[in-house]
Every structure is written in C-alpha cells, then in structure tokens.
Amino acid sequence: MPSENLVTQPVFLLFIALTFMLTAGYFWGRRKNKKIYISSLIDLEKIIKPIDQTFTNIGGAIGYHATLFTEDKSVLSHVDVTITLLPRQAWMYFPISFLIRRWDRLFITMNLKTHPPAEGHLIERSYAGFRGPRITNENKLKKEEVQWGKARFILLYATKTTRNHFMNLIKGGQDPSRIKHIAFVPHQKKCFVFMIPKANKVAADFAPVFDWLPSTVHK
C-alpha cells in the first residue's frame, strides 16, 4: 500500500523527528522563559517591597510589564519593570533572535518624587559597542572610562556631583555582574537600569543599586 511505503521513507521520518523536536522545544522554551520572568519579578518584589502592583503580558511568552507602587516614605513614587525574553519557544527563529539581540533584557525605571542629580550614564563598554544606547546629549557630557568589578564602563556625566554619585556606587565593592546601563534623567525624574535577568540572580544584582539610589536625590 502507498501509505505503508510512505511511513518508511526517510523524508517522512525526518519530518516526524523535526516536528517532535519543535514541539518539545516549544514547551521547554516556554518553561525556561516563565522561570526567568517569575523569579525576576519575585526578586524585585523582595528588594522594592511594593505596597501594590500590576502585571501585564505584552508579548506572549517573551514580554511582561509590571508596575510596583512604593510606600509613602520612599524616594520613589513607583517602579516600572519591563522584561523581554529571547524566543526560546521558537527554535527556528531563536538563533536569528540571539544573533540580533544576544540577551534577555530587564528594564527597570525608578520614578522619583524629586529630581535626581544632573544627567549621567554608566554604561558597560562592551554593551556600548554592541548596539548600545543612543545618548541624546552625549556631546555635552564629560566622558571617562572606569573599572567596575571585572568590567570596564563608560561614565558620562554633566556635573562633578553626578560623577561622585556613580563613583560611590562603584566603590561600594559590589560587582556589577549583569548590569549594563544605569542612567539619571533629571527632567523626567527618573533613574533607569538595564540588566540581563537570570533566574534567581536579579535580587543580588539589583539590590546594591536600589540601596544606593536614595543617597543621590535631593532631600
């Protein structure tokens, strides 16, 4: 019978194997991404200790947003969190996405009640050289390279005060680990942090920055 011959053909067997692999990869990728985003949000809750929060799925298995509202005595009004993950559930597209983006991404926006110091950026040098952030006022900022832990960073600052704040963070002794960019944007009353989220590692990476931030704002 033709159907009996079909199931023994190498092409058909290869199709079955590929289908199985893609299906298994889909469920593995979803579980992996779920583990990363859930542990990241739990870690941030431990550090920020919000009194309320909202969560939104913005991209199926690869995008999540949260808003964490802080207590009245905090220097923050709220913290916005956005996590974008590599499409591990889509094995055919994953290699392309990895080449383009390289990392999972965790963006933390700390909305301040008062103005932070003048504009400043602390950017890992390797990140700055690989499709790093575009700094609108870069030509107006002073620039130098600094060592933070095991990595080299580019320090951009408008005033000596901003530089001193960043240097105090660096001298705190905590290795930046997966932190790629910290920025003060005074006119928006915001401090941005970009880091690579790893399951069960976000709290250790972010806590030193969160603990340092109150020392930088006007009382």
N, C-alpha and C. Protein backbone atom coordinates (compact mmCIF):
# COMPACT_ATOMS: atom_id res chain seq x y z
N MET A 1 0.84 -1.20 0.00
CA MET A 1 0.00 0.00 0.00
C MET A 1 0.88 1.25 0.00
N PRO A 2 0.45 2.31 -0.73
CA PRO A 2 1.23 3.54 -0.78
C PRO A 2 1.48 4.15 0.60
N SER A 3 0.44 4.10 1.48
CA SER A 3 0.58 4.69 2.81
C SER A 3 1.61 3.95 3.64
N GLU A 4 1.71 2.64 3.46
CA GLU A 4 2.67 1.86 4.21
C GLU A 4 4.09 2.19 3.77
N ASN A 5 4.26 2.43 2.46
CA ASN A 5 5.57 2.81 1.96
C ASN A 5 5.99 4.19 2.44
N LEU A 6 4.98 5.07 2.59
CA LEU A 6 5.25 6.45 2.97
C LEU A 6 5.91 6.53 4.34
N VAL A 7 5.38 5.77 5.31
CA VAL A 7 5.87 5.88 6.68
C VAL A 7 7.29 5.36 6.83
N THR A 8 7.80 4.67 5.84
CA THR A 8 9.17 4.17 5.92
C THR A 8 10.15 5.05 5.15
N GLN A 9 9.66 6.08 4.48
CA GLN A 9 10.51 6.95 3.69
C GLN A 9 11.35 7.85 4.61
N PRO A 10 12.63 8.05 4.30
CA PRO A 10 13.49 8.89 5.14
C PRO A 10 12.96 10.31 5.32
N VAL A 11 12.39 10.89 4.28
CA VAL A 11 11.88 12.26 4.37
C VAL A 11 10.74 12.34 5.37
N PHE A 12 9.86 11.34 5.35
CA PHE A 12 8.73 11.33 6.28
C PHE A 12 9.23 11.17 7.72
N LEU A 13 10.20 10.28 7.91
CA LEU A 13 10.75 10.08 9.25
C LEU A 13 11.45 11.34 9.75
N LEU A 14 12.14 12.01 8.83
CA LEU A 14 12.79 13.27 9.20
C LEU A 14 11.75 14.32 9.59
N PHE A 15 10.63 14.36 8.87
CA PHE A 15 9.55 15.30 9.19
C PHE A 15 9.00 15.03 10.58
N ILE A 16 8.80 13.76 10.90
CA ILE A 16 8.28 13.40 12.22
C ILE A 16 9.27 13.81 13.32
N ALA A 17 10.56 13.55 13.07
CA ALA A 17 11.58 13.91 14.06
C ALA A 17 11.64 15.41 14.27
N LEU A 18 11.56 16.16 13.16
CA LEU A 18 11.60 17.61 13.25
C LEU A 18 10.39 18.16 13.99
N THR A 19 9.22 17.60 13.71
CA THR A 19 8.00 18.03 14.39
C THR A 19 8.10 17.78 15.88
N PHE A 20 8.61 16.62 16.25
CA PHE A 20 8.78 16.29 17.67
C PHE A 20 9.75 17.26 18.34
N MET A 21 10.87 17.53 17.64
CA MET A 21 11.87 18.43 18.20
C MET A 21 11.30 19.83 18.42
N LEU A 22 10.56 20.35 17.44
CA LEU A 22 9.99 21.69 17.56
C LEU A 22 8.94 21.76 18.66
N THR A 23 8.15 20.69 18.79
CA THR A 23 7.13 20.66 19.84
C THR A 23 7.78 20.62 21.22
N ALA A 24 8.79 19.74 21.36
CA ALA A 24 9.49 19.66 22.64
C ALA A 24 10.18 20.98 22.96
N GLY A 25 10.78 21.59 21.92
CA GLY A 25 11.46 22.87 22.12
C GLY A 25 10.51 23.97 22.53
N TYR A 26 9.30 23.94 22.00
CA TYR A 26 8.30 24.95 22.34
C TYR A 26 7.98 24.91 23.83
N PHE A 27 7.71 23.73 24.34
CA PHE A 27 7.35 23.63 25.76
C PHE A 27 8.55 23.89 26.67
N TRP A 28 9.74 23.44 26.23
CA TRP A 28 10.94 23.73 27.03
C TRP A 28 11.19 25.24 27.08
N GLY A 29 11.07 25.90 25.93
CA GLY A 29 11.32 27.34 25.88
C GLY A 29 10.34 28.13 26.72
N ARG A 30 9.08 27.75 26.67
CA ARG A 30 8.08 28.45 27.49
C ARG A 30 8.38 28.28 28.97
N ARG A 31 8.75 27.08 29.39
CA ARG A 31 9.07 26.85 30.80
C ARG A 31 10.29 27.65 31.22
N LYS A 32 11.30 27.68 30.35
CA LYS A 32 12.52 28.43 30.66
C LYS A 32 12.22 29.92 30.81
N ASN A 33 11.48 30.49 29.88
CA ASN A 33 11.14 31.91 29.95
C ASN A 33 10.27 32.22 31.17
N LYS A 34 9.34 31.33 31.45
CA LYS A 34 8.47 31.53 32.61
C LYS A 34 9.28 31.56 33.90
N LYS A 35 10.25 30.67 33.99
CA LYS A 35 11.11 30.63 35.18
C LYS A 35 11.87 31.94 35.34
N ILE A 36 12.39 32.47 34.23
CA ILE A 36 13.17 33.71 34.29
C ILE A 36 12.31 34.88 34.73
N TYR A 37 11.13 35.05 34.10
CA TYR A 37 10.35 36.25 34.41
C TYR A 37 9.71 36.16 35.79
N ILE A 38 9.27 34.98 36.20
CA ILE A 38 8.66 34.87 37.53
C ILE A 38 9.70 35.10 38.62
N SER A 39 10.87 34.49 38.49
CA SER A 39 11.89 34.67 39.52
C SER A 39 12.39 36.11 39.54
N SER A 40 12.44 36.76 38.36
CA SER A 40 12.87 38.16 38.30
C SER A 40 11.90 39.07 39.03
N LEU A 41 10.61 38.86 38.80
CA LEU A 41 9.61 39.70 39.47
C LEU A 41 9.57 39.43 40.97
N ILE A 42 9.72 38.19 41.37
CA ILE A 42 9.76 37.86 42.80
C ILE A 42 10.96 38.53 43.46
N ASP A 43 12.13 38.47 42.78
CA ASP A 43 13.32 39.11 43.32
C ASP A 43 13.14 40.61 43.47
N LEU A 44 12.52 41.25 42.47
CA LEU A 44 12.30 42.69 42.54
C LEU A 44 11.32 43.05 43.65
N GLU A 45 10.32 42.24 43.85
CA GLU A 45 9.38 42.47 44.95
C GLU A 45 10.10 42.40 46.29
N LYS A 46 11.04 41.48 46.43
CA LYS A 46 11.78 41.35 47.68
C LYS A 46 12.58 42.61 47.98
N ILE A 47 13.16 43.21 46.93
CA ILE A 47 14.00 44.38 47.11
C ILE A 47 13.17 45.65 47.27
N ILE A 48 12.19 45.85 46.40
CA ILE A 48 11.41 47.09 46.38
C ILE A 48 10.34 47.12 47.46
N LYS A 49 9.81 45.96 47.81
CA LYS A 49 8.76 45.82 48.81
C LYS A 49 7.55 46.72 48.48
N PRO A 50 6.91 46.51 47.35
CA PRO A 50 5.79 47.37 46.94
C PRO A 50 4.56 47.16 47.83
N ILE A 51 3.76 48.21 47.93
CA ILE A 51 2.50 48.09 48.66
C ILE A 51 1.37 47.66 47.73
N ASP A 52 1.62 47.74 46.43
CA ASP A 52 0.65 47.29 45.42
C ASP A 52 1.40 47.09 44.11
N GLN A 53 0.84 46.30 43.19
CA GLN A 53 1.48 46.07 41.92
C GLN A 53 0.48 45.64 40.87
N THR A 54 0.83 45.89 39.62
CA THR A 54 0.02 45.41 38.49
C THR A 54 0.96 44.68 37.53
N PHE A 55 0.41 43.68 36.83
CA PHE A 55 1.21 42.89 35.90
C PHE A 55 0.46 42.79 34.57
N THR A 56 1.23 42.87 33.47
CA THR A 56 0.63 42.78 32.14
C THR A 56 1.53 41.94 31.24
N ASN A 57 0.91 41.01 30.51
CA ASN A 57 1.65 40.26 29.50
C ASN A 57 1.63 41.08 28.22
N ILE A 58 2.82 41.37 27.68
CA ILE A 58 2.87 42.25 26.50
C ILE A 58 3.44 41.54 25.27
N GLY A 59 3.69 40.23 25.37
CA GLY A 59 4.28 39.56 24.22
C GLY A 59 4.27 38.05 24.31
N GLY A 60 3.14 37.48 24.71
CA GLY A 60 3.07 36.03 24.80
C GLY A 60 4.07 35.50 25.80
N ALA A 61 4.99 34.64 25.33
CA ALA A 61 5.98 34.05 26.23
C ALA A 61 7.26 34.87 26.30
N ILE A 62 7.29 36.05 25.69
CA ILE A 62 8.55 36.80 25.63
C ILE A 62 8.47 38.22 26.16
N GLY A 63 7.33 38.68 26.65
CA GLY A 63 7.25 40.05 27.12
C GLY A 63 6.31 40.24 28.29
N TYR A 64 6.78 40.95 29.33
CA TYR A 64 5.99 41.16 30.53
C TYR A 64 6.28 42.56 31.07
N HIS A 65 5.26 43.18 31.64
CA HIS A 65 5.42 44.50 32.25
C HIS A 65 4.77 44.49 33.63
N ALA A 66 5.40 45.19 34.55
CA ALA A 66 4.86 45.32 35.90
C ALA A 66 5.07 46.73 36.40
N THR A 67 4.14 47.20 37.21
CA THR A 67 4.29 48.47 37.91
C THR A 67 4.21 48.18 39.40
N LEU A 68 5.24 48.58 40.14
CA LEU A 68 5.32 48.34 41.57
C LEU A 68 5.21 49.68 42.29
N PHE A 69 4.18 49.83 43.11
CA PHE A 69 3.94 51.08 43.83
C PHE A 69 4.58 51.02 45.21
N THR A 70 5.34 52.06 45.53
CA THR A 70 6.10 52.06 46.77
C THR A 70 5.37 52.82 47.87
N GLU A 71 5.87 52.64 49.09
CA GLU A 71 5.25 53.28 50.24
C GLU A 71 5.55 54.78 50.26
N ASP A 72 4.78 55.52 51.04
CA ASP A 72 4.87 56.98 51.04
C ASP A 72 6.25 57.51 51.43
N LYS A 73 6.94 56.85 52.35
CA LYS A 73 8.23 57.37 52.81
C LYS A 73 9.37 57.08 51.83
N SER A 74 9.11 56.35 50.79
CA SER A 74 10.13 56.04 49.80
C SER A 74 10.45 57.26 48.96
N VAL A 75 11.68 57.32 48.41
CA VAL A 75 12.04 58.40 47.48
C VAL A 75 11.41 58.17 46.12
N LEU A 76 10.79 57.02 45.92
CA LEU A 76 10.17 56.66 44.66
C LEU A 76 8.65 56.76 44.74
N SER A 77 8.03 57.11 43.63
CA SER A 77 6.57 57.04 43.56
C SER A 77 6.14 55.65 43.11
N HIS A 78 6.87 55.09 42.14
CA HIS A 78 6.62 53.74 41.66
C HIS A 78 7.77 53.29 40.78
N VAL A 79 7.79 52.01 40.49
CA VAL A 79 8.84 51.42 39.65
C VAL A 79 8.17 50.68 38.50
N ASP A 80 8.57 50.99 37.29
CA ASP A 80 8.08 50.29 36.11
C ASP A 80 9.11 49.25 35.68
N VAL A 81 8.65 48.05 35.41
CA VAL A 81 9.53 46.95 35.05
C VAL A 81 9.06 46.33 33.74
N THR A 82 9.97 46.18 32.79
CA THR A 82 9.66 45.52 31.53
C THR A 82 10.71 44.43 31.27
N ILE A 83 10.24 43.22 31.02
CA ILE A 83 11.12 42.10 30.71
C ILE A 83 10.81 41.63 29.29
N THR A 84 11.84 41.58 28.46
CA THR A 84 11.69 41.00 27.12
C THR A 84 12.68 39.84 27.02
N LEU A 85 12.19 38.69 26.61
CA LEU A 85 12.98 37.46 26.62
C LEU A 85 13.22 36.95 25.21
N LEU A 86 14.29 36.24 25.04
CA LEU A 86 14.56 35.60 23.76
C LEU A 86 13.49 34.55 23.48
N PRO A 87 13.12 34.35 22.22
CA PRO A 87 12.03 33.42 21.89
C PRO A 87 12.48 31.96 21.94
N ARG A 88 12.74 31.49 23.15
CA ARG A 88 13.24 30.12 23.30
C ARG A 88 12.22 29.08 22.86
N GLN A 89 10.95 29.46 22.83
CA GLN A 89 9.90 28.52 22.43
C GLN A 89 9.84 28.34 20.92
N ALA A 90 10.54 29.19 20.17
CA ALA A 90 10.51 29.14 18.71
C ALA A 90 11.92 28.79 18.21
N TRP A 91 12.22 27.52 18.16
CA TRP A 91 13.59 27.09 17.86
C TRP A 91 14.06 27.50 16.47
N MET A 92 13.15 27.63 15.53
CA MET A 92 13.56 28.03 14.19
C MET A 92 14.01 29.49 14.14
N TYR A 93 13.40 30.33 14.98
CA TYR A 93 13.71 31.76 14.98
C TYR A 93 14.73 32.13 16.05
N PHE A 94 14.88 31.29 17.07
CA PHE A 94 15.74 31.61 18.21
C PHE A 94 17.17 31.98 17.80
N PRO A 95 17.85 31.21 16.92
CA PRO A 95 19.23 31.58 16.56
C PRO A 95 19.34 32.97 15.94
N ILE A 96 18.35 33.33 15.12
CA ILE A 96 18.36 34.66 14.49
C ILE A 96 18.20 35.74 15.56
N SER A 97 17.24 35.53 16.46
CA SER A 97 16.99 36.49 17.53
C SER A 97 18.21 36.63 18.43
N PHE A 98 18.88 35.52 18.69
CA PHE A 98 20.07 35.55 19.54
C PHE A 98 21.17 36.38 18.90
N LEU A 99 21.37 36.22 17.60
CA LEU A 99 22.40 36.98 16.90
C LEU A 99 22.09 38.48 16.90
N ILE A 100 20.79 38.81 16.82
CA ILE A 100 20.39 40.22 16.77
C ILE A 100 20.40 40.86 18.15
N ARG A 101 19.87 40.15 19.16
CA ARG A 101 19.66 40.75 20.47
C ARG A 101 20.66 40.29 21.53
N ARG A 102 21.13 39.07 21.43
CA ARG A 102 22.13 38.48 22.33
C ARG A 102 21.60 38.11 23.71
N TRP A 103 20.77 38.97 24.31
CA TRP A 103 20.40 38.74 25.70
C TRP A 103 18.88 38.84 25.91
N ASP A 104 18.45 38.25 27.03
CA ASP A 104 17.19 38.67 27.63
C ASP A 104 17.42 40.07 28.19
N ARG A 105 16.34 40.82 28.37
CA ARG A 105 16.50 42.21 28.79
C ARG A 105 15.51 42.56 29.90
N LEU A 106 16.03 43.21 30.93
CA LEU A 106 15.23 43.68 32.04
C LEU A 106 15.44 45.18 32.18
N PHE A 107 14.38 45.94 31.95
CA PHE A 107 14.42 47.40 32.06
C PHE A 107 13.67 47.81 33.33
N ILE A 108 14.36 48.53 34.19
CA ILE A 108 13.77 48.99 35.45
C ILE A 108 13.79 50.52 35.45
N THR A 109 12.62 51.13 35.54
CA THR A 109 12.51 52.58 35.58
C THR A 109 12.04 52.99 36.96
N MET A 110 12.91 53.66 37.70
CA MET A 110 12.57 54.12 39.05
C MET A 110 12.12 55.57 38.96
N ASN A 111 10.84 55.78 39.21
CA ASN A 111 10.24 57.12 39.12
C ASN A 111 10.39 57.82 40.47
N LEU A 112 11.16 58.90 40.46
CA LEU A 112 11.50 59.60 41.69
C LEU A 112 10.49 60.70 42.03
N LYS A 113 10.38 60.99 43.32
CA LYS A 113 9.49 62.06 43.75
C LYS A 113 10.17 63.43 43.63
N THR A 114 11.48 63.44 43.66
CA THR A 114 12.24 64.68 43.49
C THR A 114 13.27 64.48 42.38
N HIS A 115 13.88 65.57 41.96
CA HIS A 115 14.82 65.50 40.85
C HIS A 115 16.11 64.80 41.26
N PRO A 116 16.59 63.90 40.44
CA PRO A 116 17.92 63.32 40.68
C PRO A 116 18.98 64.35 40.30
N PRO A 117 20.26 64.02 40.49
CA PRO A 117 21.32 64.96 40.05
C PRO A 117 21.29 65.13 38.54
N ALA A 118 22.21 65.90 38.04
CA ALA A 118 22.27 66.16 36.61
C ALA A 118 22.43 64.85 35.84
N GLU A 119 22.17 64.94 34.54
CA GLU A 119 22.20 63.74 33.71
C GLU A 119 23.52 62.99 33.82
N GLY A 120 23.42 61.66 33.82
CA GLY A 120 24.62 60.85 33.88
C GLY A 120 24.32 59.43 33.43
N HIS A 121 25.34 58.74 32.93
CA HIS A 121 25.19 57.37 32.44
C HIS A 121 26.41 56.55 32.82
N LEU A 122 26.18 55.34 33.24
CA LEU A 122 27.24 54.37 33.50
C LEU A 122 26.92 53.17 32.62
N ILE A 123 27.73 52.98 31.57
CA ILE A 123 27.41 52.00 30.53
C ILE A 123 28.57 51.02 30.36
N GLU A 124 28.28 49.74 30.43
CA GLU A 124 29.34 48.76 30.20
C GLU A 124 29.92 48.95 28.80
N ARG A 125 31.23 48.94 28.69
CA ARG A 125 31.88 49.26 27.42
C ARG A 125 31.50 48.29 26.31
N SER A 126 31.45 46.99 26.60
CA SER A 126 31.11 46.02 25.57
C SER A 126 29.67 46.20 25.08
N TYR A 127 28.78 46.60 25.98
CA TYR A 127 27.39 46.87 25.59
C TYR A 127 27.32 48.13 24.74
N ALA A 128 28.07 49.15 25.13
CA ALA A 128 28.08 50.40 24.36
C ALA A 128 28.56 50.17 22.94
N GLY A 129 29.46 49.19 22.77
CA GLY A 129 29.98 48.92 21.45
C GLY A 129 29.12 47.99 20.62
N PHE A 130 28.10 47.40 21.24
CA PHE A 130 27.20 46.48 20.53
C PHE A 130 25.78 47.03 20.59
N ARG A 131 25.46 47.91 19.67
CA ARG A 131 24.12 48.48 19.61
C ARG A 131 23.68 49.03 20.96
N GLY A 132 24.58 49.71 21.59
CA GLY A 132 24.28 50.29 22.89
C GLY A 132 23.29 51.44 22.79
N PRO A 133 23.01 52.08 23.92
CA PRO A 133 22.01 53.14 23.94
C PRO A 133 22.48 54.38 23.20
N ARG A 134 21.54 55.08 22.61
CA ARG A 134 21.84 56.37 21.99
C ARG A 134 21.61 57.47 23.01
N ILE A 135 22.65 58.16 23.37
CA ILE A 135 22.57 59.23 24.36
C ILE A 135 22.40 60.55 23.62
N THR A 136 21.24 61.16 23.77
CA THR A 136 20.92 62.37 23.01
C THR A 136 21.91 63.49 23.27
N ASN A 137 22.29 63.68 24.53
CA ASN A 137 23.17 64.80 24.89
C ASN A 137 24.61 64.37 25.09
N GLU A 138 25.01 63.28 24.47
CA GLU A 138 26.35 62.74 24.73
C GLU A 138 27.44 63.77 24.47
N ASN A 139 27.29 64.58 23.44
CA ASN A 139 28.33 65.56 23.11
C ASN A 139 28.45 66.66 24.15
N LYS A 140 27.48 66.76 25.04
CA LYS A 140 27.50 67.79 26.08
C LYS A 140 27.99 67.24 27.42
N LEU A 141 28.25 65.93 27.46
CA LEU A 141 28.62 65.28 28.72
C LEU A 141 30.12 64.98 28.74
N LYS A 142 30.69 65.04 29.92
CA LYS A 142 32.08 64.62 30.09
C LYS A 142 32.14 63.10 30.09
N LYS A 143 33.29 62.57 29.64
CA LYS A 143 33.38 61.14 29.42
C LYS A 143 34.70 60.59 29.95
N GLU A 144 34.62 59.43 30.59
CA GLU A 144 35.83 58.73 31.02
C GLU A 144 35.52 57.25 31.17
N GLU A 145 36.56 56.45 31.21
CA GLU A 145 36.40 55.01 31.43
C GLU A 145 36.76 54.68 32.87
N VAL A 146 35.98 53.79 33.45
CA VAL A 146 36.22 53.38 34.84
C VAL A 146 36.11 51.86 34.92
N GLN A 147 36.74 51.31 35.94
CA GLN A 147 36.65 49.88 36.20
C GLN A 147 35.61 49.65 37.27
N TRP A 148 34.66 48.78 36.99
CA TRP A 148 33.67 48.41 38.00
C TRP A 148 33.68 46.89 38.08
N GLY A 149 34.19 46.38 39.17
CA GLY A 149 34.32 44.94 39.29
C GLY A 149 35.25 44.41 38.22
N LYS A 150 34.78 43.43 37.47
CA LYS A 150 35.59 42.81 36.43
C LYS A 150 35.39 43.46 35.05
N ALA A 151 34.54 44.47 34.97
CA ALA A 151 34.20 45.05 33.67
C ALA A 151 34.62 46.50 33.57
N ARG A 152 34.85 46.95 32.32
CA ARG A 152 35.12 48.35 32.04
C ARG A 152 33.80 49.03 31.69
N PHE A 153 33.62 50.22 32.21
CA PHE A 153 32.41 51.00 31.97
C PHE A 153 32.77 52.37 31.43
N ILE A 154 31.86 52.93 30.66
CA ILE A 154 31.96 54.32 30.20
C ILE A 154 31.10 55.17 31.12
N LEU A 155 31.70 56.18 31.70
CA LEU A 155 30.99 57.08 32.60
C LEU A 155 30.79 58.42 31.89
N LEU A 156 29.54 58.79 31.71
CA LEU A 156 29.17 60.07 31.13
C LEU A 156 28.46 60.89 32.21
N TYR A 157 28.84 62.16 32.34
CA TYR A 157 28.23 62.95 33.41
C TYR A 157 28.24 64.44 33.06
N ALA A 158 27.24 65.13 33.59
CA ALA A 158 27.12 66.56 33.33
C ALA A 158 27.80 67.39 34.41
N THR A 159 27.83 66.86 35.63
CA THR A 159 28.43 67.60 36.74
C THR A 159 29.30 66.67 37.59
N LYS A 160 30.16 67.27 38.38
CA LYS A 160 31.02 66.50 39.27
C LYS A 160 30.19 65.75 40.31
N THR A 161 29.08 66.35 40.71
CA THR A 161 28.21 65.69 41.69
C THR A 161 27.70 64.36 41.16
N THR A 162 27.25 64.36 39.91
CA THR A 162 26.77 63.12 39.30
C THR A 162 27.90 62.10 39.22
N ARG A 163 29.07 62.53 38.82
CA ARG A 163 30.22 61.63 38.77
C ARG A 163 30.50 61.02 40.13
N ASN A 164 30.47 61.85 41.18
CA ASN A 164 30.76 61.36 42.52
C ASN A 164 29.75 60.31 42.96
N HIS A 165 28.49 60.52 42.61
CA HIS A 165 27.46 59.53 42.97
C HIS A 165 27.76 58.18 42.32
N PHE A 166 28.08 58.20 41.05
CA PHE A 166 28.40 56.94 40.36
C PHE A 166 29.65 56.30 40.94
N MET A 167 30.64 57.10 41.26
CA MET A 167 31.86 56.55 41.83
C MET A 167 31.62 55.94 43.21
N ASN A 168 30.71 56.52 43.96
CA ASN A 168 30.35 55.93 45.26
C ASN A 168 29.73 54.55 45.08
N LEU A 169 28.91 54.40 44.04
CA LEU A 169 28.33 53.08 43.75
C LEU A 169 29.43 52.10 43.38
N ILE A 170 30.36 52.53 42.54
CA ILE A 170 31.43 51.65 42.09
C ILE A 170 32.32 51.24 43.26
N LYS A 171 32.61 52.19 44.15
CA LYS A 171 33.49 51.92 45.28
C LYS A 171 32.81 51.09 46.36
N GLY A 172 31.50 50.87 46.20
CA GLY A 172 30.79 50.06 47.18
C GLY A 172 31.24 48.61 47.22
N GLY A 173 31.97 48.21 46.18
CA GLY A 173 32.56 46.87 46.20
C GLY A 173 31.74 45.79 45.53
N GLN A 174 30.49 46.09 45.17
CA GLN A 174 29.64 45.10 44.53
C GLN A 174 29.97 44.99 43.05
N ASP A 175 30.22 43.78 42.56
CA ASP A 175 30.47 43.59 41.14
C ASP A 175 29.17 43.85 40.38
N PRO A 176 29.23 44.56 39.25
CA PRO A 176 28.00 44.87 38.50
C PRO A 176 27.32 43.64 37.92
N SER A 177 28.08 42.56 37.77
CA SER A 177 27.53 41.31 37.26
C SER A 177 26.83 41.52 35.93
N ARG A 178 25.49 41.47 35.92
CA ARG A 178 24.75 41.55 34.66
C ARG A 178 24.16 42.93 34.38
N ILE A 179 24.55 43.95 35.14
CA ILE A 179 24.08 45.31 34.89
C ILE A 179 24.84 45.90 33.70
N LYS A 180 24.10 46.48 32.76
CA LYS A 180 24.70 47.03 31.55
C LYS A 180 24.64 48.56 31.48
N HIS A 181 23.63 49.16 32.10
CA HIS A 181 23.45 50.61 31.94
C HIS A 181 22.63 51.15 33.11
N ILE A 182 23.13 52.22 33.70
CA ILE A 182 22.38 52.98 34.70
C ILE A 182 22.35 54.43 34.23
N ALA A 183 21.20 55.08 34.31
CA ALA A 183 21.10 56.44 33.79
C ALA A 183 20.22 57.31 34.69
N PHE A 184 20.66 58.56 34.88
CA PHE A 184 19.83 59.59 35.50
C PHE A 184 19.25 60.47 34.40
N VAL A 185 17.94 60.69 34.45
CA VAL A 185 17.29 61.61 33.52
C VAL A 185 16.51 62.62 34.37
N PRO A 186 17.14 63.73 34.74
CA PRO A 186 16.54 64.66 35.70
C PRO A 186 15.20 65.25 35.28
N HIS A 187 15.07 65.65 34.00
CA HIS A 187 13.84 66.32 33.60
C HIS A 187 12.63 65.38 33.64
N GLN A 188 12.89 64.07 33.66
CA GLN A 188 11.80 63.10 33.79
C GLN A 188 11.66 62.57 35.21
N LYS A 189 12.56 62.99 36.10
CA LYS A 189 12.60 62.49 37.48
C LYS A 189 12.71 60.95 37.49
N LYS A 190 13.67 60.46 36.74
CA LYS A 190 13.78 59.00 36.60
C LYS A 190 15.24 58.55 36.68
N CYS A 191 15.38 57.32 37.16
CA CYS A 191 16.64 56.62 37.09
C CYS A 191 16.36 55.29 36.40
N PHE A 192 17.08 55.03 35.30
CA PHE A 192 16.88 53.81 34.52
C PHE A 192 17.99 52.81 34.81
N VAL A 193 17.61 51.55 34.83
CA VAL A 193 18.59 50.47 34.95
C VAL A 193 18.26 49.43 33.89
N PHE A 194 19.29 49.05 33.12
CA PHE A 194 19.12 47.95 32.17
C PHE A 194 20.07 46.83 32.59
N MET A 195 19.53 45.63 32.70
CA MET A 195 20.34 44.50 33.10
C MET A 195 19.85 43.23 32.42
N ILE A 196 20.67 42.21 32.46
CA ILE A 196 20.29 40.91 31.91
C ILE A 196 19.70 40.07 33.03
N PRO A 197 18.44 39.65 32.92
CA PRO A 197 17.84 38.87 34.01
C PRO A 197 18.25 37.40 33.94
N LYS A 198 18.71 36.89 35.06
CA LYS A 198 19.00 35.47 35.21
C LYS A 198 18.16 34.94 36.38
N ALA A 199 17.63 33.76 36.21
CA ALA A 199 16.76 33.19 37.25
C ALA A 199 17.47 33.18 38.60
N ASN A 200 16.80 33.74 39.59
CA ASN A 200 17.28 33.76 40.98
C ASN A 200 18.55 34.60 41.19
N LYS A 201 18.86 35.50 40.24
CA LYS A 201 20.05 36.34 40.36
C LYS A 201 19.72 37.83 40.40
N VAL A 202 18.51 38.20 40.06
CA VAL A 202 18.16 39.62 39.92
C VAL A 202 18.27 40.37 41.24
N ALA A 203 17.85 39.77 42.34
CA ALA A 203 17.90 40.45 43.64
C ALA A 203 19.34 40.81 44.00
N ALA A 204 20.26 39.88 43.83
CA ALA A 204 21.66 40.15 44.18
C ALA A 204 22.25 41.23 43.28
N ASP A 205 21.87 41.25 42.02
CA ASP A 205 22.41 42.23 41.08
C ASP A 205 21.83 43.63 41.31
N PHE A 206 20.53 43.69 41.59
CA PHE A 206 19.84 44.98 41.65
C PHE A 206 19.89 45.64 43.03
N ALA A 207 19.97 44.87 44.09
CA ALA A 207 19.90 45.41 45.45
C ALA A 207 20.91 46.52 45.72
N PRO A 208 22.18 46.39 45.31
CA PRO A 208 23.13 47.49 45.59
C PRO A 208 22.73 48.81 44.92
N VAL A 209 22.17 48.74 43.72
CA VAL A 209 21.74 49.95 43.02
C VAL A 209 20.53 50.56 43.74
N PHE A 210 19.59 49.74 44.12
CA PHE A 210 18.39 50.23 44.80
C PHE A 210 18.75 50.85 46.15
N ASP A 211 19.67 50.24 46.87
CA ASP A 211 20.07 50.77 48.18
C ASP A 211 20.88 52.07 48.03
N TRP A 212 21.59 52.21 46.91
CA TRP A 212 22.41 53.40 46.66
C TRP A 212 21.57 54.60 46.23
N LEU A 213 20.48 54.37 45.53
CA LEU A 213 19.72 55.45 44.89
C LEU A 213 19.29 56.57 45.84
N PRO A 214 18.75 56.28 47.03
CA PRO A 214 18.31 57.39 47.91
C PRO A 214 19.40 58.40 48.24
N SER A 215 20.64 57.99 48.23
CA SER A 215 21.75 58.92 48.55
C SER A 215 22.01 59.91 47.43
N THR A 216 21.41 59.70 46.26
CA THR A 216 21.69 60.55 45.11
C THR A 216 20.67 61.65 44.87
N VAL A 217 19.51 61.58 45.53
CA VAL A 217 18.45 62.53 45.24
C VAL A 217 18.43 63.65 46.26
N HIS A 218 17.85 64.77 45.84
CA HIS A 218 17.73 65.93 46.73
C HIS A 218 16.75 65.62 47.84
N LYS A 219 17.12 65.98 49.03
CA LYS A 219 16.25 65.79 50.20
C LYS A 219 15.21 66.89 50.28
